[in-house]
Amino acid sequence: MDLSGNGGRIFFWMAMLRWWLVRSMVYAKSVNMVELCCGEDTGLEI
């Protein structure tokens, strides 16, 4: 059994998942900021 290779693969996928999660959270936050600034979804007339 090659535990080092398997562990490295699991660590790689965990890092990829965490990076994707952070990226999606940052993207959603930036979209919310744009909507607040532009007033598209807030009902404000700017």
C-alpha atoms as a PDB file:
ATOM      1  CA  MET A   1       0.000   0.000   0.000  1.00  0.00           C
ATOM      2  CA  ASP A   2       1.336   3.402  -0.960  1.00  0.00           C
ATOM      3  CA  LEU A   3       0.028   5.522   1.886  1.00  0.00           C
ATOM      4  CA  SER A   4       2.119   8.553   0.973  1.00  0.00           C
ATOM      5  CA  GLY A   5       0.649   8.724  -2.528  1.00  0.00           C
ATOM      6  CA  ASN A   6      -2.920   8.210  -1.327  1.00  0.00           C
ATOM      7  CA  GLY A   7      -2.512  10.769   1.451  1.00  0.00           C
ATOM      8  CA  GLY A   8      -1.071  13.270  -1.008  1.00  0.00           C
ATOM      9  CA  ARG A   9      -4.025  12.762  -3.337  1.00  0.00           C
ATOM     10  CA  ILE A  10      -6.520  13.253  -0.501  1.00  0.00           C
ATOM     11  CA  PHE A  11      -4.654  16.382   0.632  1.00  0.00           C
ATOM     12  CA  PHE A  12      -4.689  17.679  -2.952  1.00  0.00           C
ATOM     13  CA  TRP A  13      -8.445  17.174  -3.287  1.00  0.00           C
ATOM     14  CA  MET A  14      -9.067  18.787   0.100  1.00  0.00           C
ATOM     15  CA  ALA A  15      -7.000  21.793  -0.956  1.00  0.00           C
ATOM     16  CA  MET A  16      -8.859  22.012  -4.277  1.00  0.00           C
ATOM     17  CA  LEU A  17     -12.235  21.769  -2.515  1.00  0.00           C
ATOM     18  CA  ARG A  18     -11.266  24.460   0.005  1.00  0.00           C
ATOM     19  CA  TRP A  19      -9.959  26.741  -2.776  1.00  0.00           C
ATOM     20  CA  TRP A  20     -13.176  26.280  -4.777  1.00  0.00           C
ATOM     21  CA  LEU A  21     -15.301  26.935  -1.676  1.00  0.00           C
ATOM     22  CA  VAL A  22     -13.409  30.133  -0.823  1.00  0.00           C
ATOM     23  CA  ARG A  23     -13.563  31.252  -4.459  1.00  0.00           C
ATOM     24  CA  SER A  24     -17.333  30.672  -4.654  1.00  0.00           C
ATOM     25  CA  MET A  25     -17.870  32.482  -1.324  1.00  0.00           C
ATOM     26  CA  VAL A  26     -15.795  35.467  -2.472  1.00  0.00           C
ATOM     27  CA  TYR A  27     -17.670  35.515  -5.798  1.00  0.00           C
ATOM     28  CA  ALA A  28     -21.062  35.438  -4.054  1.00  0.00           C
ATOM     29  CA  LYS A  29     -19.964  38.213  -1.682  1.00  0.00           C
ATOM     30  CA  SER A  30     -18.750  40.371  -4.564  1.00  0.00           C
ATOM     31  CA  VAL A  31     -22.045  39.795  -6.432  1.00  0.00           C
ATOM     32  CA  ASN A  32     -23.968  40.846  -3.321  1.00  0.00           C
ATOM     33  CA  MET A  33     -21.818  43.974  -3.024  1.00  0.00           C
ATOM     34  CA  VAL A  34     -22.475  44.824  -6.682  1.00  0.00           C
ATOM     35  CA  GLU A  35     -26.230  44.377  -6.180  1.00  0.00           C
ATOM     36  CA  LEU A  36     -26.140  46.580  -3.077  1.00  0.00           C
ATOM     37  CA  CYS A  37     -24.126  49.274  -4.847  1.00  0.00           C
ATOM     38  CA  CYS A  38     -26.232  49.224  -8.007  1.00  0.00           C
ATOM     39  CA  GLY A  39     -29.542  48.746  -6.176  1.00  0.00           C
ATOM     40  CA  GLU A  40     -30.784  46.045  -8.562  1.00  0.00           C
ATOM     41  CA  ASP A  41     -32.171  43.652  -5.944  1.00  0.00           C
ATOM     42  CA  THR A  42     -32.765  46.121  -3.113  1.00  0.00           C
ATOM     43  CA  GLY A  43     -35.621  48.152  -4.627  1.00  0.00           C
ATOM     44  CA  LEU A  44     -33.607  51.365  -4.465  1.00  0.00           C
ATOM     45  CA  GLU A  45     -33.727  53.876  -7.284  1.00  0.00           C
ATOM     46  CA  ILE A  46     -30.159  55.092  -7.847  1.00  0.00           C
END
